[in-house]
């Protein structure tokens, strides 16, 4: 399947019920107790064309476009995993309490925010019209979701330092961190997210 057609197909899948703007840009890690696992990343792109749908259409003037590119891969050591300048770490203490952490640099020099969301604010606003024609979504890529599925229930879930708009949650063995893209691009100490579970 041509790349531009795949982009449009992936964009369409995000419009299914239950999805919202925070699902568009995400890094999801499924972790095993030996700190191996899989990583899935979804990032925004502005494709040069609208793909086959636009090419085959008549009678419409297309005004908004956005692509979502999804990739999945396997890693053998969480601490060796990097995504741009996002770094990961993990380990286990003698009592069997395991931990994982993610360090998210902030500011203009940070590369991970623009790797996942390479759109300027006005482009994100315009692209939202393609993502959600209802108008309820005013900006796509405003938030980056990081989600860890751990081998067992989350024991601890927190961030070092204070960062405006950053939200944490945990449900069973799934820990989630939501980071506003503007917070990521604002100068400040790195956000360090920690989570623990019992092996």
Protein backbone atom coordinates (compact mmCIF):
# COMPACT_ATOMS: atom_id res chain seq x y z
CA UNK A 1 0.00 0.00 0.00
CA UNK A 2 1.44 3.43 -0.91
CA UNK A 3 2.63 5.50 2.04
CA UNK A 4 0.13 8.33 1.59
CA UNK A 5 -2.79 5.91 1.45
CA UNK A 6 -1.55 4.28 4.66
CA UNK A 7 -1.40 7.68 6.35
CA UNK A 8 -5.01 8.38 5.49
CA UNK A 9 -6.08 4.91 6.59
CA UNK A 10 -4.36 5.35 9.94
CA UNK A 11 -5.96 8.76 10.35
CA UNK A 12 -9.39 7.27 9.72
CA UNK A 13 -8.91 4.60 12.38
CA UNK A 14 -8.39 7.30 14.99
CA UNK A 15 -11.89 8.61 14.38
CA UNK A 16 -13.47 5.48 15.82
CA UNK A 17 -15.60 5.99 18.92
CA UNK A 18 -13.57 6.29 22.13
CA UNK A 19 -10.54 7.97 20.53
CA UNK A 20 -9.68 11.58 21.23
CA UNK A 21 -6.89 14.05 20.56
CA UNK A 22 -4.63 12.48 23.20
CA UNK A 23 -4.64 9.19 21.26
CA UNK A 24 -3.18 10.77 18.13
CA UNK A 25 0.37 11.25 19.45
CA UNK A 26 1.50 8.54 21.82
CA UNK A 27 4.36 6.31 22.91
CA UNK A 28 3.12 3.03 24.37
CA UNK A 29 5.46 0.55 26.05
CA UNK A 30 4.41 -2.99 26.98
CA UNK A 31 6.97 -4.19 29.52
CA UNK A 32 7.88 -7.66 30.79
CA UNK A 33 9.51 -8.43 34.15
CA UNK A 34 12.89 -8.97 32.48
CA UNK A 35 12.64 -5.40 31.08
CA UNK A 36 12.13 -6.56 27.50
CA UNK A 37 9.01 -5.58 25.62
CA UNK A 38 7.43 -3.75 22.73
CA UNK A 39 7.09 -0.08 21.90
CA UNK A 40 4.46 1.51 19.68
CA UNK A 41 4.72 5.13 18.61
CA UNK A 42 2.25 7.30 16.72
CA UNK A 43 3.36 10.67 15.36
CA UNK A 44 1.85 13.40 13.22
CA UNK A 45 2.88 14.36 9.70
CA UNK A 46 1.59 16.79 7.13
CA UNK A 47 1.49 14.67 3.94
CA UNK A 48 2.21 16.47 0.68
CA UNK A 49 -1.03 15.21 -0.88
CA UNK A 50 -4.37 13.93 0.31
CA UNK A 51 -3.75 10.50 -1.19
CA UNK A 52 -6.11 8.35 -3.19
CA UNK A 53 -9.29 9.58 -1.52
CA UNK A 54 -8.63 13.15 -2.61
CA UNK A 55 -7.41 12.08 -6.05
CA UNK A 56 -10.61 10.08 -6.61
CA UNK A 57 -12.98 12.72 -5.29
CA UNK A 58 -14.97 15.30 -7.21
CA UNK A 59 -17.01 18.29 -6.14
CA UNK A 60 -15.12 19.02 -2.89
CA UNK A 61 -12.50 21.58 -2.04
CA UNK A 62 -10.25 19.94 0.54
CA UNK A 63 -9.14 22.39 3.22
CA UNK A 64 -7.42 20.38 5.96
CA UNK A 65 -5.04 17.44 6.05
CA UNK A 66 -3.10 15.48 8.66
CA UNK A 67 -1.38 12.10 8.71
CA UNK A 68 -0.71 9.80 11.64
CA UNK A 69 2.20 7.38 11.26
CA UNK A 70 2.26 4.36 13.58
CA UNK A 71 5.19 2.02 14.19
CA UNK A 72 5.68 -0.95 16.52
CA UNK A 73 8.94 -2.65 17.47
CA UNK A 74 10.54 -4.93 20.05
CA UNK A 75 13.36 -4.11 22.46
CA UNK A 76 15.54 -6.45 24.52
CA UNK A 77 16.60 -3.94 27.19
CA UNK A 78 14.49 -1.00 28.33
CA UNK A 79 17.60 0.98 29.30
CA UNK A 80 18.90 0.75 25.73
CA UNK A 81 15.68 2.16 24.29
CA UNK A 82 15.71 5.78 23.05
CA UNK A 83 13.22 7.79 21.05
CA UNK A 84 14.93 10.96 19.85
CA UNK A 85 16.18 12.30 23.20
CA UNK A 86 13.60 10.47 25.34
CA UNK A 87 15.57 8.01 27.46
CA UNK A 88 14.31 5.01 29.39
CA UNK A 89 15.67 3.04 32.37
CA UNK A 90 14.59 0.14 34.54
CA UNK A 91 15.71 -2.31 37.18
CA UNK A 92 14.78 -4.42 40.20
CA UNK A 93 15.81 -4.10 43.84
CA UNK A 94 16.57 -7.14 46.06
CA UNK A 95 13.02 -7.21 47.47
CA UNK A 96 11.52 -7.71 43.99
CA UNK A 97 10.22 -4.18 43.57
CA UNK A 98 10.80 -3.28 39.92
CA UNK A 99 10.95 0.20 38.48
CA UNK A 100 10.93 1.98 35.14
CA UNK A 101 11.59 5.61 34.36
CA UNK A 102 11.44 7.96 31.39
CA UNK A 103 13.39 11.21 31.12
CA UNK A 104 11.81 13.88 28.94
CA UNK A 105 14.07 16.87 28.16
CA UNK A 106 12.34 20.24 27.84
CA UNK A 107 12.90 23.42 25.88
CA UNK A 108 13.83 24.45 22.35
CA UNK A 109 16.80 22.05 22.27
CA UNK A 110 14.61 18.99 23.07
CA UNK A 111 14.10 16.91 19.92
CA UNK A 112 11.38 14.45 20.98
CA UNK A 113 8.47 16.96 20.92
CA UNK A 114 9.08 17.94 17.28
CA UNK A 115 9.81 14.33 16.30
CA UNK A 116 6.30 13.37 17.41
CA UNK A 117 4.56 16.67 16.57
CA UNK A 118 6.40 18.51 13.76
CA UNK A 119 3.55 21.01 13.34
CA UNK A 120 3.43 24.66 14.37
CA UNK A 121 0.49 25.74 16.56
CA UNK A 122 -1.48 27.14 13.60
CA UNK A 123 -0.89 23.91 11.66
CA UNK A 124 -2.15 21.86 14.62
CA UNK A 125 -5.32 23.97 14.73
CA UNK A 126 -5.94 23.60 11.00
CA UNK A 127 -5.16 19.85 11.03
CA UNK A 128 -7.71 19.32 13.84
CA UNK A 129 -10.47 19.97 11.29
CA UNK A 130 -9.33 16.90 9.34
CA UNK A 131 -9.02 14.80 12.47
CA UNK A 132 -12.39 15.73 13.99
CA UNK A 133 -14.90 17.38 11.62
CA UNK A 134 -17.34 17.84 14.53
CA UNK A 135 -15.23 20.78 15.69
CA UNK A 136 -14.91 19.43 19.26
CA UNK A 137 -11.15 18.97 18.80
CA UNK A 138 -9.60 22.41 18.40
CA UNK A 139 -5.96 21.33 18.15
CA UNK A 140 -4.38 18.00 17.28
CA UNK A 141 -0.99 17.19 18.76
CA UNK A 142 -1.53 19.51 21.73
CA UNK A 143 -0.78 16.61 24.09
CA UNK A 144 1.66 13.69 23.97
CA UNK A 145 0.59 10.51 25.76
CA UNK A 146 3.13 8.10 27.27
CA UNK A 147 1.65 4.82 28.44
CA UNK A 148 3.30 1.85 30.14
CA UNK A 149 1.63 -1.53 30.50
CA UNK A 150 3.50 -3.20 33.36
CA UNK A 151 3.72 -6.93 34.21
CA UNK A 152 1.59 -6.38 37.34
CA UNK A 153 -0.35 -3.65 39.13
CA UNK A 154 1.20 -0.19 39.40
CA UNK A 155 2.57 0.39 42.93
CA UNK A 156 4.03 3.88 42.43
CA UNK A 157 3.53 6.48 39.70
CA UNK A 158 5.03 9.99 39.89
CA UNK A 159 7.13 12.70 38.28
CA UNK A 160 10.13 14.59 39.61
CA UNK A 161 9.63 18.34 39.75
CA UNK A 162 6.57 20.37 38.81
CA UNK A 163 5.53 20.85 35.21
CA UNK A 164 2.46 22.82 34.19
CA UNK A 165 -0.39 20.74 32.79
CA UNK A 166 1.35 17.35 33.18
CA UNK A 167 -1.14 14.69 34.30
CA UNK A 168 -0.58 11.21 35.71
CA UNK A 169 -2.93 8.29 36.11
CA UNK A 170 -2.80 4.57 36.84
CA UNK A 171 -5.40 1.88 36.32
CA UNK A 172 -4.47 -1.68 37.21
CA UNK A 173 -1.17 -2.37 35.46
CA UNK A 174 -1.35 0.64 33.09
CA UNK A 175 0.39 3.91 33.97
CA UNK A 176 -0.17 7.01 31.84
CA UNK A 177 1.55 10.38 31.56
CA UNK A 178 0.05 13.26 29.54
CA UNK A 179 2.40 16.10 28.59
CA UNK A 180 1.20 19.28 26.87
CA UNK A 181 3.41 19.93 23.83
CA UNK A 182 3.85 23.57 24.90
CA UNK A 183 5.16 22.41 28.29
CA UNK A 184 7.63 20.14 26.53
CA UNK A 185 8.85 23.05 24.38
CA UNK A 186 9.15 25.46 27.33
CA UNK A 187 12.55 25.71 29.01
CA UNK A 188 12.76 23.92 32.32
CA UNK A 189 14.19 20.93 34.14
CA UNK A 190 13.60 17.58 32.44
CA UNK A 191 10.44 15.73 33.38
CA UNK A 192 11.40 12.41 34.96
CA UNK A 193 8.56 9.92 35.21
CA UNK A 194 8.94 7.00 37.66
CA UNK A 195 6.75 3.95 38.08
CA UNK A 196 7.10 0.79 40.18
CA UNK A 197 5.51 -2.65 40.40
CA UNK A 198 6.08 -5.84 42.40
CA UNK A 199 7.55 -8.79 40.51
